[in-house]
N, C-alpha and C. Protein backbone atom coordinates (compact mmCIF):
# COMPACT_ATOMS: atom_id res chain seq x y z
N UNK A 1 102.41 99.19 138.04
CA UNK A 1 103.75 99.72 138.27
C UNK A 1 104.20 100.50 137.04
N UNK A 2 105.07 101.40 137.29
CA UNK A 2 105.52 102.27 136.21
C UNK A 2 106.73 101.70 135.48
N UNK A 3 107.01 102.22 134.30
CA UNK A 3 108.23 101.80 133.59
C UNK A 3 109.48 102.41 134.25
N UNK A 4 110.61 101.74 134.07
CA UNK A 4 111.84 102.23 134.71
C UNK A 4 112.28 103.58 134.19
N UNK A 5 111.81 103.97 133.01
CA UNK A 5 112.17 105.31 132.50
C UNK A 5 111.70 106.39 133.46
N UNK A 6 110.59 106.12 134.18
CA UNK A 6 110.09 107.08 135.18
C UNK A 6 111.07 107.21 136.35
N UNK A 7 111.67 106.11 136.74
CA UNK A 7 112.64 106.14 137.83
C UNK A 7 113.89 106.92 137.43
N UNK A 8 114.27 106.79 136.17
CA UNK A 8 115.48 107.48 135.70
C UNK A 8 115.30 108.99 135.63
N UNK A 9 114.07 109.46 135.49
CA UNK A 9 113.81 110.90 135.39
C UNK A 9 114.28 111.64 136.64
N UNK A 10 114.32 110.94 137.78
CA UNK A 10 114.75 111.57 139.02
C UNK A 10 116.22 111.98 138.98
N UNK A 11 116.98 111.35 138.12
CA UNK A 11 118.41 111.70 138.01
C UNK A 11 118.83 111.81 136.55
N UNK A 12 118.03 112.52 135.82
CA UNK A 12 118.24 112.71 134.38
C UNK A 12 119.67 113.16 134.07
N UNK A 13 120.26 112.50 133.09
CA UNK A 13 121.59 112.88 132.65
C UNK A 13 122.72 112.28 133.47
N UNK A 14 122.40 111.48 134.48
CA UNK A 14 123.42 110.89 135.33
C UNK A 14 123.82 109.53 134.79
N UNK A 15 125.03 109.43 134.28
CA UNK A 15 125.57 108.16 133.82
C UNK A 15 126.90 107.92 134.54
N UNK A 16 126.82 107.57 135.81
CA UNK A 16 128.03 107.34 136.57
C UNK A 16 128.71 106.08 136.05
N UNK A 17 129.96 106.25 135.68
CA UNK A 17 130.67 105.14 135.07
C UNK A 17 132.18 105.25 135.27
N UNK A 18 132.85 104.16 134.96
CA UNK A 18 134.31 104.12 134.90
C UNK A 18 134.69 103.54 133.55
N UNK A 19 135.96 103.65 133.25
CA UNK A 19 136.48 103.06 132.01
C UNK A 19 137.17 101.73 132.34
N UNK A 20 137.24 100.83 131.40
CA UNK A 20 137.85 99.52 131.67
C UNK A 20 139.29 99.63 132.18
N UNK A 21 140.03 100.61 131.71
CA UNK A 21 141.43 100.76 132.09
C UNK A 21 141.67 101.48 133.41
N UNK A 22 140.61 102.00 134.02
CA UNK A 22 140.76 102.67 135.31
C UNK A 22 141.16 101.66 136.38
N UNK A 23 141.84 102.14 137.40
CA UNK A 23 142.19 101.22 138.50
C UNK A 23 140.96 100.95 139.35
N UNK A 24 140.99 99.82 140.01
CA UNK A 24 139.90 99.47 140.92
C UNK A 24 139.84 100.50 142.04
N UNK A 25 140.99 101.00 142.49
CA UNK A 25 141.01 102.01 143.54
C UNK A 25 140.26 103.27 143.11
N UNK A 26 140.50 103.71 141.88
CA UNK A 26 139.80 104.89 141.36
C UNK A 26 138.30 104.64 141.29
N UNK A 27 137.91 103.43 140.91
CA UNK A 27 136.49 103.08 140.86
C UNK A 27 135.88 103.08 142.27
N UNK A 28 136.63 102.59 143.25
CA UNK A 28 136.15 102.60 144.63
C UNK A 28 135.95 104.03 145.13
N UNK A 29 136.85 104.94 144.73
CA UNK A 29 136.69 106.34 145.11
C UNK A 29 135.40 106.92 144.55
N UNK A 30 135.06 106.54 143.31
CA UNK A 30 133.82 107.01 142.70
C UNK A 30 132.60 106.42 143.41
N UNK A 31 132.66 105.12 143.73
CA UNK A 31 131.55 104.50 144.46
C UNK A 31 131.30 105.25 145.76
N UNK A 32 132.37 105.54 146.49
CA UNK A 32 132.24 106.25 147.77
C UNK A 32 131.74 107.67 147.55
N UNK A 33 132.28 108.34 146.55
CA UNK A 33 131.89 109.73 146.29
C UNK A 33 130.44 109.87 145.88
N UNK A 34 129.95 108.95 145.06
CA UNK A 34 128.56 108.99 144.60
C UNK A 34 127.62 108.29 145.58
N UNK A 35 128.18 107.59 146.55
CA UNK A 35 127.40 106.81 147.51
C UNK A 35 126.49 105.80 146.81
N UNK A 36 127.10 105.03 145.91
CA UNK A 36 126.39 103.98 145.18
C UNK A 36 127.14 102.66 145.32
N UNK A 37 126.49 101.58 144.95
CA UNK A 37 127.10 100.26 145.08
C UNK A 37 127.64 99.69 143.79
N UNK A 38 127.41 100.38 142.66
CA UNK A 38 127.89 99.87 141.38
C UNK A 38 128.00 101.02 140.37
N UNK A 39 128.89 100.81 139.42
CA UNK A 39 129.08 101.75 138.32
C UNK A 39 129.07 100.98 137.00
N UNK A 40 128.56 101.62 135.98
CA UNK A 40 128.66 101.03 134.65
C UNK A 40 130.09 101.19 134.17
N UNK A 41 130.55 100.23 133.39
CA UNK A 41 131.87 100.32 132.77
C UNK A 41 131.63 100.63 131.30
N UNK A 42 132.09 101.81 130.89
CA UNK A 42 131.82 102.29 129.54
C UNK A 42 133.13 102.42 128.77
N UNK A 43 133.09 102.03 127.51
CA UNK A 43 134.24 102.17 126.62
C UNK A 43 133.76 102.90 125.37
N UNK A 44 134.09 104.19 125.28
CA UNK A 44 133.66 104.97 124.13
C UNK A 44 132.16 105.06 123.98
N UNK A 45 131.44 105.21 125.07
CA UNK A 45 129.99 105.32 125.01
C UNK A 45 129.27 103.99 124.95
N UNK A 46 130.01 102.90 124.95
CA UNK A 46 129.43 101.57 124.86
C UNK A 46 129.53 100.87 126.22
N UNK A 47 128.44 100.27 126.67
CA UNK A 47 128.43 99.53 127.93
C UNK A 47 129.18 98.21 127.74
N UNK A 48 130.25 98.01 128.54
CA UNK A 48 131.03 96.78 128.42
C UNK A 48 131.03 95.96 129.70
N UNK A 49 130.48 96.53 130.77
CA UNK A 49 130.45 95.78 132.02
C UNK A 49 129.86 96.60 133.15
N UNK A 50 129.84 95.98 134.32
CA UNK A 50 129.43 96.66 135.55
C UNK A 50 130.48 96.35 136.61
N UNK A 51 130.86 97.37 137.37
CA UNK A 51 131.78 97.20 138.49
C UNK A 51 130.99 97.46 139.77
N UNK A 52 131.01 96.50 140.69
CA UNK A 52 130.24 96.63 141.92
C UNK A 52 131.08 96.35 143.15
N UNK A 53 130.50 96.69 144.29
CA UNK A 53 131.15 96.36 145.56
C UNK A 53 131.39 94.87 145.67
N UNK A 54 130.48 94.09 145.15
CA UNK A 54 130.64 92.62 145.16
C UNK A 54 131.87 92.21 144.36
N UNK A 55 132.07 92.83 143.20
CA UNK A 55 133.25 92.51 142.40
C UNK A 55 134.52 92.78 143.21
N UNK A 56 134.55 93.93 143.86
CA UNK A 56 135.71 94.28 144.67
C UNK A 56 135.91 93.27 145.80
N UNK A 57 134.86 93.00 146.54
CA UNK A 57 134.97 92.12 147.70
C UNK A 57 135.45 90.72 147.31
N UNK A 58 134.84 90.17 146.28
CA UNK A 58 135.13 88.79 145.90
C UNK A 58 136.41 88.63 145.08
N UNK A 59 136.75 89.63 144.28
CA UNK A 59 137.87 89.46 143.35
C UNK A 59 139.12 90.24 143.70
N UNK A 60 139.02 91.10 144.69
CA UNK A 60 140.20 91.86 145.15
C UNK A 60 140.47 91.56 146.62
N UNK A 61 139.56 91.96 147.49
CA UNK A 61 139.78 91.82 148.93
C UNK A 61 140.00 90.37 149.34
N UNK A 62 139.13 89.48 148.95
CA UNK A 62 139.25 88.08 149.37
C UNK A 62 140.42 87.35 148.72
N UNK A 63 140.90 87.85 147.59
CA UNK A 63 142.02 87.21 146.91
C UNK A 63 143.35 87.89 147.20
N UNK A 64 143.31 88.93 148.02
CA UNK A 64 144.55 89.61 148.40
C UNK A 64 145.21 90.39 147.26
N UNK A 65 144.43 90.82 146.31
CA UNK A 65 144.97 91.60 145.18
C UNK A 65 145.06 93.07 145.56
N UNK A 66 145.80 93.82 144.79
CA UNK A 66 146.03 95.24 145.05
C UNK A 66 145.09 96.08 144.19
N UNK A 67 144.22 96.87 144.83
CA UNK A 67 143.25 97.67 144.09
C UNK A 67 143.90 98.83 143.34
N UNK A 68 145.09 99.24 143.74
CA UNK A 68 145.77 100.34 143.05
C UNK A 68 146.47 99.87 141.78
N UNK A 69 146.66 98.58 141.65
CA UNK A 69 147.34 98.02 140.47
C UNK A 69 146.41 97.28 139.53
N UNK A 70 145.29 96.81 140.05
CA UNK A 70 144.35 96.02 139.24
C UNK A 70 143.43 96.96 138.47
N UNK A 71 143.20 96.64 137.22
CA UNK A 71 142.31 97.43 136.35
C UNK A 71 140.87 96.90 136.47
N UNK A 72 139.93 97.79 136.31
CA UNK A 72 138.51 97.44 136.39
C UNK A 72 138.17 96.31 135.42
N UNK A 73 138.73 96.34 134.22
CA UNK A 73 138.41 95.33 133.21
C UNK A 73 138.80 93.92 133.64
N UNK A 74 139.71 93.80 134.60
CA UNK A 74 140.15 92.50 135.08
C UNK A 74 139.12 91.83 135.99
N UNK A 75 138.27 92.63 136.63
CA UNK A 75 137.35 92.05 137.61
C UNK A 75 135.88 92.40 137.39
N UNK A 76 135.59 93.26 136.43
CA UNK A 76 134.20 93.69 136.22
C UNK A 76 133.33 92.51 135.78
N UNK A 77 132.04 92.66 135.98
CA UNK A 77 131.07 91.70 135.48
C UNK A 77 130.84 92.03 134.01
N UNK A 78 131.14 91.07 133.16
CA UNK A 78 131.06 91.32 131.72
C UNK A 78 129.70 90.99 131.11
N UNK A 79 129.08 89.94 131.56
CA UNK A 79 127.78 89.52 131.01
C UNK A 79 126.69 90.31 131.71
N UNK A 80 126.49 91.53 131.24
CA UNK A 80 125.58 92.46 131.90
C UNK A 80 124.14 92.21 131.45
N UNK A 81 123.29 92.08 132.44
CA UNK A 81 121.85 91.96 132.19
C UNK A 81 121.31 93.38 132.15
N UNK A 82 120.58 93.71 131.10
CA UNK A 82 120.03 95.05 130.95
C UNK A 82 118.52 94.98 130.75
N UNK A 83 117.88 96.12 130.89
CA UNK A 83 116.45 96.24 130.60
C UNK A 83 116.24 97.46 129.71
N UNK A 84 115.09 97.50 129.07
CA UNK A 84 114.72 98.65 128.27
C UNK A 84 113.95 99.65 129.11
N UNK A 85 113.79 100.87 128.61
CA UNK A 85 113.12 101.93 129.39
C UNK A 85 111.65 101.66 129.67
N UNK A 86 111.02 100.79 128.88
CA UNK A 86 109.60 100.50 129.08
C UNK A 86 109.35 99.33 130.02
N UNK A 87 110.42 98.69 130.47
CA UNK A 87 110.28 97.56 131.38
C UNK A 87 109.67 98.04 132.69
N UNK A 88 108.69 97.32 133.19
CA UNK A 88 108.02 97.68 134.43
C UNK A 88 108.87 97.37 135.65
N UNK A 89 108.61 98.10 136.71
CA UNK A 89 109.40 97.92 137.92
C UNK A 89 109.21 96.53 138.54
N UNK A 90 108.01 95.97 138.45
CA UNK A 90 107.79 94.62 138.99
C UNK A 90 108.59 93.59 138.21
N UNK A 91 108.66 93.74 136.90
CA UNK A 91 109.46 92.81 136.08
C UNK A 91 110.94 92.93 136.44
N UNK A 92 111.39 94.14 136.71
CA UNK A 92 112.78 94.34 137.12
C UNK A 92 113.04 93.67 138.46
N UNK A 93 112.11 93.82 139.38
CA UNK A 93 112.24 93.21 140.70
C UNK A 93 112.35 91.70 140.57
N UNK A 94 111.51 91.11 139.75
CA UNK A 94 111.54 89.66 139.55
C UNK A 94 112.87 89.22 138.95
N UNK A 95 113.34 89.97 137.97
CA UNK A 95 114.61 89.65 137.31
C UNK A 95 115.79 89.76 138.28
N UNK A 96 115.79 90.83 139.08
CA UNK A 96 116.86 91.03 140.04
C UNK A 96 116.88 89.91 141.07
N UNK A 97 115.70 89.51 141.50
CA UNK A 97 115.60 88.42 142.47
C UNK A 97 116.08 87.11 141.87
N UNK A 98 115.62 86.82 140.68
CA UNK A 98 115.98 85.57 140.01
C UNK A 98 117.49 85.49 139.73
N UNK A 99 118.06 86.57 139.25
CA UNK A 99 119.48 86.59 138.86
C UNK A 99 120.42 86.94 140.02
N UNK A 100 119.83 87.30 141.17
CA UNK A 100 120.60 87.69 142.36
C UNK A 100 121.54 88.87 142.07
N UNK A 101 120.95 89.89 141.46
CA UNK A 101 121.70 91.11 141.15
C UNK A 101 121.02 92.30 141.80
N UNK A 102 121.75 93.39 141.96
CA UNK A 102 121.21 94.57 142.64
C UNK A 102 121.14 95.80 141.74
N UNK A 103 121.68 95.70 140.54
CA UNK A 103 121.72 96.85 139.64
C UNK A 103 121.40 96.41 138.22
N UNK A 104 120.64 97.25 137.51
CA UNK A 104 120.26 96.97 136.13
C UNK A 104 120.48 98.20 135.26
N UNK A 105 121.43 98.12 134.32
CA UNK A 105 121.54 99.22 133.36
C UNK A 105 120.29 99.25 132.47
N UNK A 106 119.88 100.46 132.14
CA UNK A 106 118.72 100.66 131.26
C UNK A 106 119.27 101.11 129.91
N UNK A 107 118.96 100.33 128.88
CA UNK A 107 119.53 100.56 127.56
C UNK A 107 118.42 100.57 126.53
N UNK A 108 118.53 101.51 125.59
CA UNK A 108 117.59 101.56 124.47
C UNK A 108 118.43 101.47 123.20
N UNK A 109 118.32 100.34 122.52
CA UNK A 109 119.19 100.11 121.36
C UNK A 109 120.62 100.00 121.84
N UNK A 110 121.47 100.90 121.38
CA UNK A 110 122.86 100.92 121.84
C UNK A 110 123.12 102.08 122.80
N UNK A 111 122.06 102.83 123.13
CA UNK A 111 122.20 103.99 124.00
C UNK A 111 121.94 103.62 125.46
N UNK A 112 122.91 103.91 126.30
CA UNK A 112 122.76 103.67 127.73
C UNK A 112 122.04 104.87 128.34
N UNK A 113 120.92 104.61 129.00
CA UNK A 113 120.11 105.68 129.58
C UNK A 113 120.40 105.91 131.05
N UNK A 114 120.89 104.89 131.73
CA UNK A 114 121.18 104.99 133.16
C UNK A 114 121.18 103.63 133.79
N UNK A 115 121.16 103.62 135.12
CA UNK A 115 121.13 102.36 135.85
C UNK A 115 120.21 102.51 137.05
N UNK A 116 119.42 101.47 137.29
CA UNK A 116 118.54 101.46 138.46
C UNK A 116 119.06 100.42 139.44
N UNK A 117 118.73 100.64 140.69
CA UNK A 117 119.15 99.71 141.74
C UNK A 117 117.93 99.08 142.39
N UNK A 118 118.17 98.07 143.16
CA UNK A 118 117.09 97.42 143.90
C UNK A 118 116.43 98.43 144.83
N UNK A 119 117.20 99.37 145.34
CA UNK A 119 116.64 100.41 146.22
C UNK A 119 115.64 101.27 145.45
N UNK A 120 115.96 101.63 144.20
CA UNK A 120 115.02 102.40 143.38
C UNK A 120 113.70 101.65 143.22
N UNK A 121 113.81 100.36 142.96
CA UNK A 121 112.62 99.53 142.76
C UNK A 121 111.80 99.46 144.05
N UNK A 122 112.49 99.19 145.16
CA UNK A 122 111.78 99.09 146.44
C UNK A 122 111.11 100.40 146.82
N UNK A 123 111.81 101.52 146.62
CA UNK A 123 111.21 102.83 146.91
C UNK A 123 109.94 103.04 146.10
N UNK A 124 109.96 102.62 144.82
CA UNK A 124 108.80 102.78 143.96
C UNK A 124 107.65 101.88 144.43
N UNK A 125 107.96 100.66 144.79
CA UNK A 125 106.92 99.73 145.26
C UNK A 125 106.30 100.24 146.55
N UNK A 126 107.13 100.72 147.47
CA UNK A 126 106.62 101.26 148.73
C UNK A 126 105.72 102.47 148.48
N UNK A 127 106.15 103.37 147.60
CA UNK A 127 105.34 104.55 147.28
C UNK A 127 104.00 104.14 146.66
N UNK A 128 104.03 103.13 145.80
CA UNK A 128 102.81 102.64 145.17
C UNK A 128 101.87 102.04 146.22
N UNK A 129 102.43 101.28 147.14
CA UNK A 129 101.60 100.68 148.19
C UNK A 129 101.01 101.75 149.11
N UNK A 130 101.81 102.75 149.46
CA UNK A 130 101.31 103.84 150.31
C UNK A 130 100.18 104.59 149.62
N UNK A 131 100.30 104.80 148.32
CA UNK A 131 99.25 105.47 147.57
C UNK A 131 97.97 104.64 147.57
N UNK A 132 98.11 103.34 147.37
CA UNK A 132 96.95 102.45 147.38
C UNK A 132 96.28 102.46 148.74
N UNK A 133 97.07 102.41 149.80
CA UNK A 133 96.51 102.44 151.16
C UNK A 133 95.76 103.75 151.42
N UNK A 134 96.36 104.85 150.99
CA UNK A 134 95.70 106.15 151.18
C UNK A 134 94.37 106.20 150.42
N UNK A 135 94.35 105.67 149.21
CA UNK A 135 93.12 105.65 148.42
C UNK A 135 92.06 104.79 149.09
N UNK A 136 92.46 103.64 149.62
CA UNK A 136 91.52 102.75 150.28
C UNK A 136 90.98 103.39 151.57
N UNK A 137 91.85 104.03 152.33
CA UNK A 137 91.41 104.72 153.54
C UNK A 137 90.42 105.82 153.22
N UNK A 138 90.70 106.56 152.16
CA UNK A 138 89.81 107.64 151.75
C UNK A 138 88.45 107.08 151.31
N UNK A 139 88.48 105.96 150.60
CA UNK A 139 87.24 105.32 150.14
C UNK A 139 86.42 104.83 151.34
N UNK A 140 87.09 104.22 152.30
CA UNK A 140 86.40 103.69 153.49
C UNK A 140 85.77 104.83 154.30
N UNK A 141 86.45 105.95 154.41
CA UNK A 141 85.97 107.08 155.22
C UNK A 141 84.85 107.86 154.54
N UNK A 142 84.70 107.70 153.24
CA UNK A 142 83.66 108.50 152.55
C UNK A 142 82.34 107.79 152.45
C-alpha cells in the first residue's frame, strides 16, 4: 500500500477548514458546499480540532442547540488523531477502524498537509486489489 502523501496529491493545496470562532451553521454550509463529512479546525495555521457531521448530530441536533448561535470550538473534537505523510494506507485503515473515526488529518511536524477520509482509503484499497487481479489474470492467460 502507498503512503497517504500519495492520496493527498489528488487534491494538492486543499486545506478545507473552519476557525474555532465560526458558527456551526457556517461550518455546515462549508461541509455541504465541499461535499465532505468533516473539516479541520485551524487557528492561525495550527490544527486545534476537527468538526464533523457526527459532532453536529450528537452535540447540536440531538441536544436541541442552535447551530447559528453555537461556535465550532464548543462542539469540535479536540483530541485529534493525526498521521504523518509516510503512514501507509493499511495502517490508516486499521487506526480508523480501531478508533471508530472517519477522517485523519495528515501532519508533518507542525505543518498540516491535508486530511484523508475512510473513502480515500477504501478507494485506494479497491484500486490496489483491481490492479492485483488484472496482473493475476494477465499472468494466467500468458
